[in-house]
């Protein structure tokens, strides 16, 4: 259960969600209003779902998708790679989808061209500054509403170390949020095109967003800095930084139909290449 929900709540410092030993809660800006959903499960993986707020009924309807009801992991055959087959036996999971676009997209834009640590810091501070308290007893914070973000100027983001490029993309996406949210009901290729119609949203941002919005077992995040190296190292032992998307997709070809599942499986198993250089840092423009 935890592995399925993990893509919806990766970082514990994120104010929109909270983990317990056998529980997960998340604040959501649904198409019908704000809401909070909470999943609680027992040792037999029997799940109880509760929801609060205007979006509560919508979240209850969406809950099976969050839990992987739209996924069919039985169709996944890891046997072309013995190592992967062993990992799958230990870490098998279903893929879920949140069914929402805006809040997944906002986080993805903040992740453009910066380290994960910096993206998480900016997200947390922006949610605390411009988000509202979420409904229900879980004491969570809602992501900032698009109408709030649409009314900002790019310099408003500088105190969160978000430069003009990402800030203007966020503002443009916020102004188009209603049309972007429609992507959740589209076929995946159409949804990708809808997102990339906004200036500043390219393949990395669009695929990063929709791997969370949809149950999409074959959608691989494109043009990522680290994924090609991780995949190449996991399959070949080569950890050079010259690996690109072309090589990554060659290695994933035997698993076509489940390539995102394979990437998630490698991440779940902690198969990351050894670090060869100091951790990258980004300038803190809030200090300038």
Protein backbone atom coordinates (compact mmCIF):
# COMPACT_ATOMS: atom_id res chain seq x y z
CA UNK A 1 0.00 0.00 0.00
CA UNK A 2 2.76 2.40 0.91
CA UNK A 3 4.61 1.73 -2.36
CA UNK A 4 1.48 2.51 -4.38
CA UNK A 5 0.79 5.79 -2.60
CA UNK A 6 4.43 6.85 -2.43
CA UNK A 7 4.39 8.76 -5.72
CA UNK A 8 1.68 11.01 -4.23
CA UNK A 9 3.66 11.77 -1.08
CA UNK A 10 7.40 11.40 -1.50
CA UNK A 11 8.83 13.94 0.93
CA UNK A 12 7.86 13.94 4.60
CA UNK A 13 8.44 17.69 4.89
CA UNK A 14 5.67 18.36 2.36
CA UNK A 15 2.86 20.28 4.13
CA UNK A 16 0.15 18.93 1.80
CA UNK A 17 0.47 15.34 3.03
CA UNK A 18 1.24 13.28 6.10
CA UNK A 19 2.36 9.69 6.62
CA UNK A 20 1.60 7.45 9.57
CA UNK A 21 2.75 3.86 10.22
CA UNK A 22 -0.24 2.58 8.21
CA UNK A 23 -1.86 5.80 7.09
CA UNK A 24 -1.54 8.49 4.46
CA UNK A 25 -3.41 11.79 4.12
CA UNK A 26 -3.20 14.37 1.34
CA UNK A 27 -4.74 17.78 0.70
CA UNK A 28 -6.05 18.19 -2.83
CA UNK A 29 -7.43 20.97 -5.01
CA UNK A 30 -10.06 18.86 -6.77
CA UNK A 31 -12.09 20.03 -9.78
CA UNK A 32 -15.06 20.66 -7.46
CA UNK A 33 -13.25 22.33 -4.57
CA UNK A 34 -10.66 21.75 -1.84
CA UNK A 35 -10.57 18.46 0.02
CA UNK A 36 -8.52 16.13 2.17
CA UNK A 37 -8.39 12.36 1.77
CA UNK A 38 -7.00 9.87 4.29
CA UNK A 39 -6.17 6.20 3.76
CA UNK A 40 -5.73 3.88 6.75
CA UNK A 41 -4.87 0.20 6.28
CA UNK A 42 -4.30 -2.84 8.47
CA UNK A 43 -1.81 -5.70 8.29
CA UNK A 44 -4.01 -7.47 5.71
CA UNK A 45 -4.07 -4.29 3.55
CA UNK A 46 -7.76 -3.68 4.19
CA UNK A 47 -8.16 0.05 3.54
CA UNK A 48 -10.49 2.58 5.14
CA UNK A 49 -10.87 5.86 3.24
CA UNK A 50 -12.22 9.13 4.66
CA UNK A 51 -12.49 12.52 2.99
CA UNK A 52 -13.46 16.05 4.00
CA UNK A 53 -14.31 19.32 2.30
CA UNK A 54 -16.09 20.35 -0.88
CA UNK A 55 -13.96 17.88 -2.81
CA UNK A 56 -14.59 15.03 -0.38
CA UNK A 57 -17.05 13.07 -2.52
CA UNK A 58 -14.82 13.51 -5.57
CA UNK A 59 -11.87 12.16 -3.60
CA UNK A 60 -13.84 9.14 -2.42
CA UNK A 61 -14.77 8.39 -6.02
CA UNK A 62 -11.13 8.78 -7.05
CA UNK A 63 -9.75 6.68 -4.17
CA UNK A 64 -9.69 3.35 -6.06
CA UNK A 65 -7.51 4.96 -8.74
CA UNK A 66 -5.13 6.28 -6.07
CA UNK A 67 -4.83 2.71 -4.79
CA UNK A 68 -4.00 1.27 -8.21
CA UNK A 69 -7.38 -0.11 -9.28
CA UNK A 70 -6.68 1.04 -12.86
CA UNK A 71 -3.36 -0.80 -12.96
CA UNK A 72 -2.74 -4.38 -14.07
CA UNK A 73 0.68 -5.40 -12.73
CA UNK A 74 0.00 -9.04 -13.69
CA UNK A 75 0.80 -8.03 -17.27
CA UNK A 76 4.32 -7.02 -16.29
CA UNK A 77 6.98 -9.59 -17.16
CA UNK A 78 10.36 -8.76 -15.57
CA UNK A 79 11.96 -12.02 -16.73
CA UNK A 80 14.14 -10.43 -19.47
CA UNK A 81 16.37 -9.24 -16.61
CA UNK A 82 17.05 -11.64 -13.75
CA UNK A 83 18.04 -8.86 -11.35
CA UNK A 84 14.84 -6.95 -12.08
CA UNK A 85 12.78 -10.11 -11.61
CA UNK A 86 14.27 -10.61 -8.14
CA UNK A 87 13.54 -6.99 -7.20
CA UNK A 88 9.96 -7.24 -8.47
CA UNK A 89 9.40 -10.34 -6.36
CA UNK A 90 10.32 -8.31 -3.26
CA UNK A 91 8.87 -4.91 -4.18
CA UNK A 92 5.85 -5.54 -6.43
CA UNK A 93 3.38 -2.63 -6.40
CA UNK A 94 0.46 -1.09 -8.22
CA UNK A 95 0.60 2.32 -9.88
CA UNK A 96 -1.98 4.89 -8.88
CA UNK A 97 -3.00 8.28 -10.22
CA UNK A 98 -4.21 11.39 -8.44
CA UNK A 99 -6.58 12.51 -11.20
CA UNK A 100 -5.57 16.17 -10.75
CA UNK A 101 -3.19 18.29 -12.81
CA UNK A 102 -2.58 21.73 -11.34
CA UNK A 103 -0.89 20.82 -8.07
CA UNK A 104 1.25 18.11 -9.69
CA UNK A 105 2.25 20.59 -12.41
CA UNK A 106 3.13 23.34 -9.94
CA UNK A 107 5.57 21.05 -8.14
CA UNK A 108 7.06 19.87 -11.45
CA UNK A 109 7.69 23.44 -12.63
CA UNK A 110 9.49 24.21 -9.38
CA UNK A 111 11.75 21.23 -10.14
CA UNK A 112 12.95 22.61 -13.47
CA UNK A 113 16.76 22.83 -13.66
CA UNK A 114 17.32 22.74 -9.88
CA UNK A 115 18.20 20.05 -7.36
CA UNK A 116 15.44 18.08 -5.67
CA UNK A 117 16.38 19.64 -2.32
CA UNK A 118 15.90 23.15 -3.71
CA UNK A 119 12.62 22.22 -5.40
CA UNK A 120 11.24 20.72 -2.20
CA UNK A 121 12.30 23.78 -0.19
CA UNK A 122 10.64 26.16 -2.65
CA UNK A 123 7.46 24.06 -2.76
CA UNK A 124 7.18 23.89 1.02
CA UNK A 125 7.67 27.63 1.48
CA UNK A 126 5.27 28.54 -1.33
CA UNK A 127 2.56 26.24 0.07
CA UNK A 128 3.00 27.74 3.54
CA UNK A 129 2.90 31.28 2.15
CA UNK A 130 0.04 31.07 -0.36
CA UNK A 131 -1.85 27.86 0.41
CA UNK A 132 -4.91 27.69 2.66
CA UNK A 133 -5.56 25.30 5.57
CA UNK A 134 -7.01 22.05 4.25
CA UNK A 135 -10.42 20.83 5.45
CA UNK A 136 -10.63 18.03 7.99
CA UNK A 137 -8.70 17.01 11.10
CA UNK A 138 -5.34 16.15 9.48
CA UNK A 139 -3.83 19.65 9.86
CA UNK A 140 -2.58 19.83 6.29
CA UNK A 141 -2.11 22.73 3.91
CA UNK A 142 -3.67 23.02 0.47
CA UNK A 143 -1.47 23.85 -2.51
CA UNK A 144 -1.87 27.46 -3.67
CA UNK A 145 -4.94 27.88 -5.86
CA UNK A 146 -4.25 28.83 -9.49
CA UNK A 147 -6.24 32.04 -9.18
CA UNK A 148 -3.86 33.12 -6.40
CA UNK A 149 -0.76 32.32 -8.44
CA UNK A 150 -2.16 33.95 -11.57
CA UNK A 151 -2.31 37.29 -9.78
CA UNK A 152 1.36 37.32 -8.76
CA UNK A 153 4.36 38.97 -10.40
CA UNK A 154 7.56 37.05 -11.05
CA UNK A 155 9.48 39.03 -8.44
CA UNK A 156 7.07 37.73 -5.78
CA UNK A 157 8.80 34.34 -6.14
CA UNK A 158 12.34 35.57 -5.57
CA UNK A 159 12.14 35.23 -1.79
CA UNK A 160 11.64 31.50 -2.37
CA UNK A 161 14.72 31.28 -4.64
CA UNK A 162 12.55 30.87 -7.73
CA UNK A 163 13.99 32.84 -10.65
CA UNK A 164 12.08 34.64 -13.39
CA UNK A 165 11.95 31.70 -15.80
CA UNK A 166 10.15 29.29 -13.46
CA UNK A 167 8.04 32.06 -11.95
CA UNK A 168 6.68 33.20 -15.31
CA UNK A 169 5.94 29.58 -16.26
CA UNK A 170 3.99 29.10 -13.02
CA UNK A 171 2.00 32.27 -13.66
CA UNK A 172 1.26 31.23 -17.26
CA UNK A 173 0.16 27.77 -16.13
CA UNK A 174 -2.03 29.27 -13.42
CA UNK A 175 -3.79 31.46 -15.98
CA UNK A 176 -4.44 28.36 -18.12
CA UNK A 177 -5.26 26.08 -15.17
CA UNK A 178 -8.86 25.34 -16.18
CA UNK A 179 -7.79 24.04 -19.59
CA UNK A 180 -4.82 22.21 -18.12
CA UNK A 181 -7.03 20.45 -15.58
CA UNK A 182 -9.05 19.05 -18.49
CA UNK A 183 -5.98 16.99 -19.38
CA UNK A 184 -6.81 14.58 -16.55
CA UNK A 185 -9.75 13.32 -18.63
CA UNK A 186 -7.85 13.02 -21.92
CA UNK A 187 -5.90 10.23 -23.54
CA UNK A 188 -2.28 10.45 -22.48
CA UNK A 189 -0.82 11.77 -25.78
CA UNK A 190 -3.46 14.51 -25.89
CA UNK A 191 -2.82 15.36 -22.24
CA UNK A 192 0.90 15.77 -22.91
CA UNK A 193 0.19 18.08 -25.84
CA UNK A 194 -2.23 20.13 -23.76
CA UNK A 195 0.39 20.75 -21.07
CA UNK A 196 3.20 21.51 -23.52
CA UNK A 197 1.07 24.15 -25.24
CA UNK A 198 1.96 26.44 -22.31
CA UNK A 199 5.20 28.36 -22.73
CA UNK A 200 7.88 27.00 -20.42
CA UNK A 201 6.39 23.50 -20.14
CA UNK A 202 8.44 20.97 -22.07
CA UNK A 203 8.72 17.17 -22.15
CA UNK A 204 10.37 16.87 -18.72
CA UNK A 205 7.74 18.95 -16.92
CA UNK A 206 4.81 17.38 -18.76
CA UNK A 207 5.91 13.78 -18.22
CA UNK A 208 6.90 14.47 -14.61
CA UNK A 209 3.40 15.83 -13.98
CA UNK A 210 1.40 13.13 -15.71
CA UNK A 211 3.26 10.19 -14.17
CA UNK A 212 1.53 11.33 -10.97
CA UNK A 213 -1.81 12.41 -12.45
CA UNK A 214 -2.34 9.17 -14.40
CA UNK A 215 -1.84 5.50 -13.81
CA UNK A 216 0.67 5.39 -16.67
CA UNK A 217 2.89 2.30 -16.47
CA UNK A 218 4.70 3.10 -19.73
CA UNK A 219 5.22 6.88 -19.37
CA UNK A 220 8.90 7.59 -18.71
CA UNK A 221 10.06 11.02 -17.57
CA UNK A 222 12.00 12.48 -20.49
CA UNK A 223 15.14 14.65 -20.48
CA UNK A 224 15.83 14.03 -16.81
CA UNK A 225 19.32 14.70 -15.52
CA UNK A 226 19.66 11.51 -13.49
CA UNK A 227 17.27 8.84 -14.80
CA UNK A 228 19.26 7.75 -17.88
CA UNK A 229 22.38 7.28 -15.76
CA UNK A 230 20.45 5.34 -13.13
CA UNK A 231 18.84 3.03 -15.69
CA UNK A 232 22.11 2.45 -17.53
CA UNK A 233 23.98 1.71 -14.31
CA UNK A 234 21.25 -0.66 -13.06
CA UNK A 235 21.29 -2.70 -16.28
CA UNK A 236 24.92 -2.49 -17.39
CA UNK A 237 27.02 -1.26 -14.46
CA UNK A 238 28.09 1.79 -16.49
CA UNK A 239 27.65 4.96 -14.42
CA UNK A 240 29.10 7.49 -16.87
CA UNK A 241 27.23 10.77 -17.20
CA UNK A 242 27.25 10.51 -21.00
CA UNK A 243 24.10 8.39 -21.01
CA UNK A 244 21.08 9.97 -22.69
CA UNK A 245 17.39 9.27 -23.26
CA UNK A 246 18.13 7.27 -26.41
CA UNK A 247 20.29 4.79 -24.50
CA UNK A 248 17.79 4.67 -21.62
CA UNK A 249 14.92 3.79 -23.94
CA UNK A 250 17.04 1.13 -25.65
CA UNK A 251 17.58 -0.56 -22.28
CA UNK A 252 13.90 -0.25 -21.37
CA UNK A 253 12.66 -1.58 -24.72
CA UNK A 254 12.17 -5.20 -23.48
CA UNK A 255 9.70 -3.83 -20.94
CA UNK A 256 7.66 -1.71 -23.36
CA UNK A 257 4.24 -1.12 -21.83
CA UNK A 258 5.74 -1.00 -18.34
CA UNK A 259 8.77 1.26 -18.68
CA UNK A 260 7.67 3.69 -15.98
CA UNK A 261 7.02 0.73 -13.70
CA UNK A 262 10.60 -0.42 -14.25
CA UNK A 263 12.00 3.02 -13.41
CA UNK A 264 9.85 3.20 -10.27
CA UNK A 265 11.01 -0.29 -9.32
CA UNK A 266 14.67 0.68 -9.64
CA UNK A 267 14.09 3.78 -7.51
CA UNK A 268 12.15 1.77 -4.91
CA UNK A 269 15.03 -0.69 -4.66
CA UNK A 270 17.53 2.15 -4.22
CA UNK A 271 19.53 1.25 -7.32
CA UNK A 272 21.31 4.56 -7.81
CA UNK A 273 24.85 4.85 -9.22
CA UNK A 274 27.75 5.84 -6.98
CA UNK A 275 28.31 9.59 -6.66
CA UNK A 276 31.41 10.81 -8.49
CA UNK A 277 31.28 14.53 -7.65
CA UNK A 278 30.08 16.84 -4.88
CA UNK A 279 26.34 17.37 -4.68
CA UNK A 280 25.18 20.17 -6.99
CA UNK A 281 23.90 23.41 -5.48
CA UNK A 282 21.83 26.26 -6.85
CA UNK A 283 22.31 29.97 -6.10
CA UNK A 284 20.07 31.39 -3.37
CA UNK A 285 18.67 34.40 -5.21
CA UNK A 286 16.70 35.43 -2.11
CA UNK A 287 20.04 36.57 -0.66
CA UNK A 288 20.92 38.81 -3.59
